[in-house]
Amino acid sequence: MANQEISKLKQLFISRLQVLSHILNTAEKHLGTLDDAVKQRLAPDMHPLAVQVIFACNQPRGFSQWCKGLTVDNLPAGEYSPAELKRLISETAAMVEQIQVDDARLDEIKRIGLGPGRYCELPGWDYVSDYLLPNLYFHINTSYAILRHLGAPLGKADYMAFLLPHVRQE
């Protein structure tokens, strides 16, 4: 059962990373460059676009590393060029392609750091459904919102582009 679910999860991660690339590419076509956009925030206390993209990548990257029994080594928050962000999205998708995991690993408890002195522990499947996926969507959505706020011609269809293979016309 886990192989089928893992295959679906891998496709989910990859398709959402493709959406992230799509919204960056669409914004770049409209704005001309994302050099200034990567520094923009929705609110003063939120991370800029570059960090939103990095945090979106960290979710599937971390899962890939955890599945291999490695320490999760997140990409650090910081300044990244648009080209670096695109490269990291591609590298993350390649890492996801390599995920192999069995039921035993997904039944193990994953300790998740939540900031200084705080953590939670979740079984592997809950780690995916209750931590990774909500964070992935949050950071993709925030990236979308920043670019939309800057005037990129993005709509819900761009954010939901992963549904395109399933769309039918009457």
N, C-alpha and C. Protein backbone atom coordinates (compact mmCIF):
# COMPACT_ATOMS: atom_id res chain seq x y z
N MET A 1 0.83 -1.20 0.00
CA MET A 1 0.00 0.00 0.00
C MET A 1 0.87 1.26 0.00
N ALA A 2 1.94 1.26 0.75
CA ALA A 2 2.79 2.45 0.86
C ALA A 2 3.38 2.85 -0.49
N ASN A 3 3.74 1.88 -1.32
CA ASN A 3 4.34 2.22 -2.62
C ASN A 3 3.39 3.05 -3.47
N GLN A 4 2.11 2.68 -3.49
CA GLN A 4 1.13 3.44 -4.27
C GLN A 4 0.94 4.84 -3.68
N GLU A 5 0.86 4.92 -2.37
CA GLU A 5 0.68 6.22 -1.72
C GLU A 5 1.92 7.09 -1.87
N ILE A 6 3.09 6.48 -1.78
CA ILE A 6 4.33 7.24 -1.95
C ILE A 6 4.43 7.73 -3.39
N SER A 7 4.04 6.91 -4.34
CA SER A 7 4.05 7.35 -5.73
C SER A 7 3.15 8.56 -5.92
N LYS A 8 1.97 8.54 -5.33
CA LYS A 8 1.06 9.68 -5.40
C LYS A 8 1.65 10.90 -4.70
N LEU A 9 2.29 10.69 -3.57
CA LEU A 9 2.89 11.79 -2.82
C LEU A 9 4.03 12.41 -3.63
N LYS A 10 4.85 11.58 -4.25
CA LYS A 10 5.93 12.10 -5.09
C LYS A 10 5.37 12.95 -6.21
N GLN A 11 4.31 12.45 -6.86
CA GLN A 11 3.70 13.22 -7.95
C GLN A 11 3.11 14.52 -7.43
N LEU A 12 2.52 14.49 -6.25
CA LEU A 12 1.98 15.70 -5.64
C LEU A 12 3.10 16.72 -5.42
N PHE A 13 4.19 16.30 -4.79
CA PHE A 13 5.31 17.20 -4.56
C PHE A 13 5.83 17.78 -5.87
N ILE A 14 6.04 16.92 -6.85
CA ILE A 14 6.59 17.38 -8.13
C ILE A 14 5.64 18.34 -8.83
N SER A 15 4.36 18.01 -8.85
CA SER A 15 3.41 18.89 -9.54
C SER A 15 3.29 20.24 -8.84
N ARG A 16 3.40 20.27 -7.53
CA ARG A 16 3.33 21.55 -6.82
C ARG A 16 4.61 22.35 -7.01
N LEU A 17 5.73 21.69 -7.12
CA LEU A 17 6.97 22.39 -7.45
C LEU A 17 6.90 22.95 -8.87
N GLN A 18 6.25 22.23 -9.77
CA GLN A 18 6.04 22.75 -11.13
C GLN A 18 5.16 23.99 -11.10
N VAL A 19 4.15 24.00 -10.24
CA VAL A 19 3.31 25.19 -10.09
C VAL A 19 4.15 26.35 -9.60
N LEU A 20 5.01 26.10 -8.63
CA LEU A 20 5.88 27.16 -8.11
C LEU A 20 6.76 27.72 -9.24
N SER A 21 7.33 26.86 -10.05
CA SER A 21 8.12 27.30 -11.20
C SER A 21 7.26 28.09 -12.17
N HIS A 22 6.07 27.61 -12.41
CA HIS A 22 5.15 28.29 -13.34
C HIS A 22 4.82 29.70 -12.88
N ILE A 23 4.53 29.86 -11.61
CA ILE A 23 4.17 31.21 -11.16
C ILE A 23 5.38 32.14 -11.19
N LEU A 24 6.57 31.61 -10.91
CA LEU A 24 7.78 32.43 -11.03
C LEU A 24 8.02 32.82 -12.49
N ASN A 25 7.87 31.86 -13.39
CA ASN A 25 8.10 32.14 -14.82
C ASN A 25 7.07 33.12 -15.37
N THR A 26 5.82 32.96 -14.97
CA THR A 26 4.76 33.88 -15.42
C THR A 26 5.05 35.29 -14.92
N ALA A 27 5.43 35.40 -13.66
CA ALA A 27 5.75 36.71 -13.09
C ALA A 27 6.95 37.33 -13.79
N GLU A 28 7.94 36.52 -14.07
CA GLU A 28 9.15 37.03 -14.74
C GLU A 28 8.83 37.56 -16.14
N LYS A 29 7.97 36.86 -16.86
CA LYS A 29 7.57 37.33 -18.19
C LYS A 29 6.89 38.69 -18.11
N HIS A 30 6.08 38.87 -17.08
CA HIS A 30 5.33 40.12 -16.93
C HIS A 30 6.19 41.24 -16.34
N LEU A 31 6.96 40.91 -15.31
CA LEU A 31 7.73 41.93 -14.60
C LEU A 31 9.08 42.21 -15.25
N GLY A 32 9.52 41.32 -16.12
CA GLY A 32 10.80 41.50 -16.79
C GLY A 32 11.95 40.88 -16.04
N THR A 33 11.97 41.02 -14.77
CA THR A 33 12.99 40.41 -13.92
C THR A 33 12.39 40.20 -12.54
N LEU A 34 12.91 39.25 -11.83
CA LEU A 34 12.45 39.02 -10.46
C LEU A 34 13.50 39.46 -9.43
N ASP A 35 14.52 40.17 -9.91
CA ASP A 35 15.60 40.59 -9.01
C ASP A 35 15.10 41.38 -7.81
N ASP A 36 14.16 42.28 -8.02
CA ASP A 36 13.59 43.04 -6.90
C ASP A 36 12.48 42.26 -6.21
N ALA A 37 11.73 41.47 -6.98
CA ALA A 37 10.59 40.73 -6.43
C ALA A 37 11.03 39.74 -5.35
N VAL A 38 12.20 39.13 -5.50
CA VAL A 38 12.63 38.12 -4.52
C VAL A 38 12.82 38.72 -3.13
N LYS A 39 12.88 40.05 -3.04
CA LYS A 39 13.07 40.73 -1.75
C LYS A 39 11.76 41.24 -1.16
N GLN A 40 10.66 41.09 -1.90
CA GLN A 40 9.37 41.64 -1.47
C GLN A 40 8.66 40.71 -0.49
N ARG A 41 7.87 41.34 0.39
CA ARG A 41 7.11 40.63 1.43
C ARG A 41 5.65 41.05 1.34
N LEU A 42 4.77 40.20 1.88
CA LEU A 42 3.37 40.59 2.00
C LEU A 42 3.16 41.51 3.19
N ALA A 43 3.90 41.28 4.23
CA ALA A 43 3.80 42.08 5.45
C ALA A 43 5.20 42.19 6.04
N PRO A 44 5.44 43.25 6.82
CA PRO A 44 6.80 43.44 7.37
C PRO A 44 7.33 42.27 8.19
N ASP A 45 6.45 41.53 8.84
CA ASP A 45 6.92 40.42 9.69
C ASP A 45 6.95 39.08 8.97
N MET A 46 6.74 39.09 7.66
CA MET A 46 6.79 37.86 6.86
C MET A 46 8.10 37.80 6.08
N HIS A 47 8.48 36.58 5.73
CA HIS A 47 9.69 36.39 4.93
C HIS A 47 9.46 36.87 3.49
N PRO A 48 10.54 37.29 2.81
CA PRO A 48 10.42 37.71 1.42
C PRO A 48 10.19 36.52 0.49
N LEU A 49 9.87 36.85 -0.75
CA LEU A 49 9.58 35.83 -1.76
C LEU A 49 10.67 34.75 -1.83
N ALA A 50 11.93 35.14 -1.86
CA ALA A 50 13.01 34.15 -1.98
C ALA A 50 12.92 33.11 -0.87
N VAL A 51 12.66 33.55 0.34
CA VAL A 51 12.59 32.63 1.48
C VAL A 51 11.32 31.78 1.40
N GLN A 52 10.25 32.35 0.89
CA GLN A 52 9.02 31.56 0.72
C GLN A 52 9.29 30.40 -0.24
N VAL A 53 10.00 30.66 -1.31
CA VAL A 53 10.33 29.61 -2.28
C VAL A 53 11.25 28.57 -1.62
N ILE A 54 12.24 29.03 -0.89
CA ILE A 54 13.15 28.10 -0.20
C ILE A 54 12.39 27.23 0.80
N PHE A 55 11.50 27.84 1.58
CA PHE A 55 10.72 27.07 2.55
C PHE A 55 9.78 26.08 1.86
N ALA A 56 9.24 26.46 0.70
CA ALA A 56 8.42 25.52 -0.07
C ALA A 56 9.28 24.32 -0.50
N CYS A 57 10.49 24.57 -0.94
CA CYS A 57 11.40 23.49 -1.33
C CYS A 57 11.81 22.62 -0.14
N ASN A 58 11.96 23.23 1.02
CA ASN A 58 12.42 22.49 2.19
C ASN A 58 11.46 21.37 2.59
N GLN A 59 10.18 21.50 2.27
CA GLN A 59 9.23 20.47 2.69
C GLN A 59 9.51 19.15 1.97
N PRO A 60 9.47 19.09 0.64
CA PRO A 60 9.77 17.82 -0.02
C PRO A 60 11.24 17.41 0.11
N ARG A 61 12.15 18.39 0.19
CA ARG A 61 13.57 18.05 0.40
C ARG A 61 13.74 17.33 1.73
N GLY A 62 13.13 17.88 2.76
CA GLY A 62 13.24 17.28 4.09
C GLY A 62 12.65 15.88 4.12
N PHE A 63 11.53 15.69 3.46
CA PHE A 63 10.92 14.36 3.41
C PHE A 63 11.85 13.38 2.69
N SER A 64 12.44 13.82 1.60
CA SER A 64 13.37 12.98 0.85
C SER A 64 14.55 12.55 1.73
N GLN A 65 15.09 13.50 2.46
CA GLN A 65 16.23 13.19 3.33
C GLN A 65 15.81 12.25 4.46
N TRP A 66 14.66 12.52 5.06
CA TRP A 66 14.17 11.69 6.16
C TRP A 66 13.93 10.26 5.69
N CYS A 67 13.37 10.09 4.48
CA CYS A 67 13.12 8.75 3.94
C CYS A 67 14.41 7.96 3.79
N LYS A 68 15.51 8.65 3.52
CA LYS A 68 16.81 7.98 3.37
C LYS A 68 17.50 7.76 4.71
N GLY A 69 16.88 8.22 5.80
CA GLY A 69 17.50 8.08 7.11
C GLY A 69 18.54 9.14 7.39
N LEU A 70 18.55 10.20 6.57
CA LEU A 70 19.50 11.29 6.75
C LEU A 70 18.93 12.35 7.67
N THR A 71 19.80 13.13 8.25
CA THR A 71 19.36 14.31 8.99
C THR A 71 18.79 15.30 7.99
N VAL A 72 17.64 15.87 8.34
CA VAL A 72 17.03 16.87 7.46
C VAL A 72 17.90 18.11 7.49
N ASP A 73 18.40 18.48 6.32
CA ASP A 73 19.29 19.62 6.17
C ASP A 73 18.59 20.65 5.30
N ASN A 74 17.83 21.54 5.95
CA ASN A 74 17.06 22.54 5.21
C ASN A 74 17.96 23.56 4.54
N LEU A 75 17.49 24.06 3.42
CA LEU A 75 18.15 25.19 2.78
C LEU A 75 17.97 26.39 3.70
N PRO A 76 18.99 27.18 3.89
CA PRO A 76 18.87 28.31 4.83
C PRO A 76 18.07 29.47 4.24
N ALA A 77 17.37 30.16 5.11
CA ALA A 77 16.71 31.40 4.71
C ALA A 77 17.83 32.38 4.35
N GLY A 78 17.59 33.18 3.36
CA GLY A 78 18.60 34.14 2.94
C GLY A 78 18.24 34.74 1.61
N GLU A 79 19.20 35.41 1.03
CA GLU A 79 18.99 36.04 -0.28
C GLU A 79 19.41 35.06 -1.37
N TYR A 80 18.53 34.91 -2.35
CA TYR A 80 18.77 34.04 -3.49
C TYR A 80 18.37 34.79 -4.74
N SER A 81 19.09 34.55 -5.81
CA SER A 81 18.72 35.14 -7.09
C SER A 81 17.57 34.33 -7.68
N PRO A 82 16.84 34.91 -8.62
CA PRO A 82 15.79 34.14 -9.29
C PRO A 82 16.34 32.86 -9.94
N ALA A 83 17.51 32.93 -10.54
CA ALA A 83 18.11 31.75 -11.18
C ALA A 83 18.43 30.67 -10.14
N GLU A 84 18.93 31.08 -8.98
CA GLU A 84 19.21 30.10 -7.91
C GLU A 84 17.93 29.44 -7.43
N LEU A 85 16.88 30.21 -7.29
CA LEU A 85 15.60 29.65 -6.84
C LEU A 85 15.08 28.62 -7.84
N LYS A 86 15.15 28.93 -9.11
CA LYS A 86 14.69 27.99 -10.13
C LYS A 86 15.52 26.71 -10.12
N ARG A 87 16.83 26.88 -9.93
CA ARG A 87 17.71 25.71 -9.86
C ARG A 87 17.36 24.85 -8.66
N LEU A 88 17.09 25.47 -7.51
CA LEU A 88 16.76 24.73 -6.29
C LEU A 88 15.41 24.02 -6.40
N ILE A 89 14.47 24.62 -7.11
CA ILE A 89 13.19 23.95 -7.34
C ILE A 89 13.43 22.68 -8.17
N SER A 90 14.24 22.80 -9.22
CA SER A 90 14.55 21.64 -10.06
C SER A 90 15.30 20.57 -9.28
N GLU A 91 16.27 20.97 -8.49
CA GLU A 91 17.02 20.01 -7.68
C GLU A 91 16.10 19.31 -6.68
N THR A 92 15.17 20.05 -6.12
CA THR A 92 14.23 19.46 -5.17
C THR A 92 13.36 18.42 -5.87
N ALA A 93 12.86 18.74 -7.06
CA ALA A 93 12.06 17.77 -7.81
C ALA A 93 12.87 16.50 -8.10
N ALA A 94 14.14 16.65 -8.42
CA ALA A 94 15.00 15.49 -8.67
C ALA A 94 15.17 14.65 -7.40
N MET A 95 15.28 15.30 -6.26
CA MET A 95 15.37 14.58 -4.99
C MET A 95 14.09 13.79 -4.73
N VAL A 96 12.96 14.40 -5.02
CA VAL A 96 11.67 13.75 -4.81
C VAL A 96 11.56 12.51 -5.69
N GLU A 97 12.03 12.59 -6.92
CA GLU A 97 11.98 11.44 -7.84
C GLU A 97 12.68 10.22 -7.24
N GLN A 98 13.69 10.45 -6.41
CA GLN A 98 14.49 9.36 -5.85
C GLN A 98 13.92 8.77 -4.56
N ILE A 99 12.83 9.32 -4.06
CA ILE A 99 12.27 8.83 -2.79
C ILE A 99 11.86 7.38 -2.91
N GLN A 100 12.34 6.60 -1.95
CA GLN A 100 11.92 5.21 -1.77
C GLN A 100 11.77 5.01 -0.27
N VAL A 101 10.62 4.51 0.14
CA VAL A 101 10.38 4.35 1.56
C VAL A 101 9.37 3.22 1.75
N ASP A 102 9.47 2.55 2.88
CA ASP A 102 8.52 1.47 3.15
C ASP A 102 7.62 1.82 4.33
N ASP A 103 6.65 0.96 4.57
CA ASP A 103 5.68 1.20 5.64
C ASP A 103 6.34 1.38 6.99
N ALA A 104 7.39 0.61 7.26
CA ALA A 104 8.04 0.69 8.57
C ALA A 104 8.56 2.10 8.84
N ARG A 105 9.17 2.70 7.86
CA ARG A 105 9.70 4.06 8.02
C ARG A 105 8.57 5.06 8.27
N LEU A 106 7.47 4.88 7.56
CA LEU A 106 6.36 5.81 7.69
C LEU A 106 5.57 5.63 8.99
N ASP A 107 5.85 4.54 9.69
CA ASP A 107 5.24 4.36 11.01
C ASP A 107 6.14 4.92 12.12
N GLU A 108 7.38 5.26 11.78
CA GLU A 108 8.30 5.82 12.76
C GLU A 108 7.89 7.23 13.16
N ILE A 109 8.34 7.62 14.33
CA ILE A 109 8.06 8.96 14.84
C ILE A 109 9.10 9.93 14.30
N LYS A 110 8.63 11.07 13.82
CA LYS A 110 9.50 12.14 13.32
C LYS A 110 9.42 13.30 14.28
N ARG A 111 10.56 13.72 14.77
CA ARG A 111 10.63 14.90 15.63
C ARG A 111 10.81 16.13 14.74
N ILE A 112 9.96 17.13 14.95
CA ILE A 112 9.96 18.32 14.12
C ILE A 112 10.23 19.53 15.00
N GLY A 113 11.31 20.23 14.70
CA GLY A 113 11.63 21.46 15.42
C GLY A 113 10.67 22.58 15.03
N LEU A 114 10.18 23.29 16.02
CA LEU A 114 9.22 24.37 15.78
C LEU A 114 9.73 25.71 16.28
N GLY A 115 11.03 25.85 16.33
CA GLY A 115 11.62 27.09 16.84
C GLY A 115 12.33 26.81 18.15
N PRO A 116 12.97 27.82 18.69
CA PRO A 116 13.77 27.63 19.90
C PRO A 116 12.98 26.97 21.04
N GLY A 117 13.44 25.80 21.44
CA GLY A 117 12.87 25.09 22.58
C GLY A 117 11.52 24.43 22.32
N ARG A 118 11.04 24.41 21.09
CA ARG A 118 9.74 23.82 20.79
C ARG A 118 9.87 22.76 19.70
N TYR A 119 9.10 21.70 19.86
CA TYR A 119 9.08 20.64 18.85
C TYR A 119 7.79 19.84 19.00
N CYS A 120 7.52 19.03 18.00
CA CYS A 120 6.44 18.05 18.11
C CYS A 120 6.96 16.74 17.53
N GLU A 121 6.29 15.68 17.88
CA GLU A 121 6.64 14.37 17.35
C GLU A 121 5.40 13.76 16.70
N LEU A 122 5.58 13.32 15.45
CA LEU A 122 4.47 12.78 14.67
C LEU A 122 4.90 11.50 13.96
N PRO A 123 3.99 10.53 13.84
CA PRO A 123 4.28 9.38 12.97
C PRO A 123 4.50 9.87 11.54
N GLY A 124 5.24 9.12 10.74
CA GLY A 124 5.61 9.53 9.39
C GLY A 124 4.45 10.02 8.54
N TRP A 125 3.34 9.29 8.53
CA TRP A 125 2.21 9.71 7.69
C TRP A 125 1.64 11.04 8.17
N ASP A 126 1.60 11.24 9.49
CA ASP A 126 1.12 12.52 10.02
C ASP A 126 2.12 13.63 9.74
N TYR A 127 3.40 13.30 9.77
CA TYR A 127 4.44 14.26 9.39
C TYR A 127 4.16 14.80 8.00
N VAL A 128 3.75 13.91 7.10
CA VAL A 128 3.44 14.33 5.73
C VAL A 128 2.15 15.15 5.69
N SER A 129 1.07 14.59 6.24
CA SER A 129 -0.25 15.21 6.06
C SER A 129 -0.48 16.44 6.95
N ASP A 130 0.10 16.44 8.14
CA ASP A 130 -0.18 17.52 9.09
C ASP A 130 0.92 18.57 9.17
N TYR A 131 2.08 18.28 8.61
CA TYR A 131 3.18 19.24 8.68
C TYR A 131 3.70 19.63 7.29
N LEU A 132 4.17 18.65 6.53
CA LEU A 132 4.79 18.97 5.24
C LEU A 132 3.82 19.60 4.24
N LEU A 133 2.70 18.95 4.01
CA LEU A 133 1.78 19.46 2.99
C LEU A 133 1.20 20.83 3.34
N PRO A 134 0.73 21.06 4.56
CA PRO A 134 0.25 22.42 4.86
C PRO A 134 1.34 23.48 4.70
N ASN A 135 2.56 23.17 5.10
CA ASN A 135 3.66 24.12 4.92
C ASN A 135 3.98 24.34 3.45
N LEU A 136 3.99 23.28 2.67
CA LEU A 136 4.24 23.41 1.23
C LEU A 136 3.22 24.35 0.60
N TYR A 137 1.94 24.10 0.86
CA TYR A 137 0.89 24.94 0.29
C TYR A 137 0.97 26.38 0.80
N PHE A 138 1.26 26.55 2.07
CA PHE A 138 1.36 27.90 2.62
C PHE A 138 2.43 28.72 1.89
N HIS A 139 3.60 28.14 1.70
CA HIS A 139 4.70 28.88 1.09
C HIS A 139 4.52 29.08 -0.42
N ILE A 140 3.89 28.13 -1.09
CA ILE A 140 3.57 28.34 -2.51
C ILE A 140 2.52 29.44 -2.62
N ASN A 141 1.50 29.37 -1.78
CA ASN A 141 0.44 30.38 -1.82
C ASN A 141 0.98 31.77 -1.49
N THR A 142 1.88 31.85 -0.53
CA THR A 142 2.46 33.14 -0.17
C THR A 142 3.32 33.67 -1.32
N SER A 143 4.06 32.80 -1.98
CA SER A 143 4.84 33.21 -3.16
C SER A 143 3.91 33.74 -4.24
N TYR A 144 2.84 33.02 -4.49
CA TYR A 144 1.83 33.45 -5.46
C TYR A 144 1.29 34.82 -5.08
N ALA A 145 0.93 35.00 -3.80
CA ALA A 145 0.32 36.26 -3.36
C ALA A 145 1.29 37.43 -3.50
N ILE A 146 2.55 37.22 -3.19
CA ILE A 146 3.54 38.30 -3.34
C ILE A 146 3.62 38.72 -4.80
N LEU A 147 3.73 37.75 -5.69
CA LEU A 147 3.86 38.06 -7.11
C LEU A 147 2.58 38.68 -7.67
N ARG A 148 1.46 38.21 -7.21
CA ARG A 148 0.18 38.79 -7.63
C ARG A 148 0.09 40.24 -7.16
N HIS A 149 0.51 40.48 -5.94
CA HIS A 149 0.51 41.83 -5.38
C HIS A 149 1.41 42.77 -6.19
N LEU A 150 2.49 42.22 -6.73
CA LEU A 150 3.41 43.02 -7.54
C LEU A 150 2.90 43.25 -8.95
N GLY A 151 1.76 42.69 -9.28
CA GLY A 151 1.15 42.93 -10.57
C GLY A 151 1.30 41.82 -11.59
N ALA A 152 1.87 40.69 -11.19
CA ALA A 152 1.98 39.57 -12.12
C ALA A 152 0.57 39.08 -12.46
N PRO A 153 0.32 38.78 -13.72
CA PRO A 153 -1.02 38.35 -14.14
C PRO A 153 -1.28 36.88 -13.78
N LEU A 154 -1.39 36.64 -12.50
CA LEU A 154 -1.63 35.29 -12.00
C LEU A 154 -3.06 35.18 -11.51
N GLY A 155 -3.65 34.03 -11.73
CA GLY A 155 -4.99 33.77 -11.24
C GLY A 155 -5.04 32.40 -10.60
N LYS A 156 -6.23 32.05 -10.15
CA LYS A 156 -6.40 30.76 -9.49
C LYS A 156 -6.00 29.60 -10.41
N ALA A 157 -6.25 29.76 -11.70
CA ALA A 157 -5.87 28.70 -12.65
C ALA A 157 -4.36 28.45 -12.64
N ASP A 158 -3.57 29.50 -12.41
CA ASP A 158 -2.11 29.32 -12.32
C ASP A 158 -1.76 28.56 -11.05
N TYR A 159 -2.39 28.91 -9.95
CA TYR A 159 -2.12 28.26 -8.68
C TYR A 159 -2.58 26.80 -8.69
N MET A 160 -3.63 26.53 -9.44
CA MET A 160 -4.19 25.18 -9.51
C MET A 160 -3.80 24.47 -10.81
N ALA A 161 -2.71 24.89 -11.43
CA ALA A 161 -2.28 24.34 -12.73
C ALA A 161 -2.09 22.83 -12.71
N PHE A 162 -1.87 22.25 -11.56
CA PHE A 162 -1.69 20.80 -11.47
C PHE A 162 -2.95 20.04 -11.87
N LEU A 163 -4.10 20.73 -11.92
CA LEU A 163 -5.34 20.08 -12.34
C LEU A 163 -5.51 20.00 -13.85
N LEU A 164 -4.68 20.71 -14.61
CA LEU A 164 -4.83 20.77 -16.06
C LEU A 164 -4.96 19.40 -16.74
N PRO A 165 -4.19 18.40 -16.33
CA PRO A 165 -4.35 17.10 -17.00
C PRO A 165 -5.73 16.48 -16.79
N HIS A 166 -6.48 16.96 -15.82
CA HIS A 166 -7.79 16.39 -15.51
C HIS A 166 -8.95 17.23 -16.05
N VAL A 167 -8.65 18.39 -16.62
CA VAL A 167 -9.70 19.29 -17.11
C VAL A 167 -10.25 18.75 -18.43
N ARG A 168 -11.57 18.77 -18.53
CA ARG A 168 -12.26 18.33 -19.74
C ARG A 168 -13.17 19.46 -20.21
N GLN A 169 -13.45 19.49 -21.50
CA GLN A 169 -14.34 20.47 -22.10
C GLN A 169 -15.57 19.77 -22.62
N GLU A 170 -16.76 20.30 -22.34
CA GLU A 170 -17.99 19.70 -22.88
C GLU A 170 -18.29 20.26 -24.24
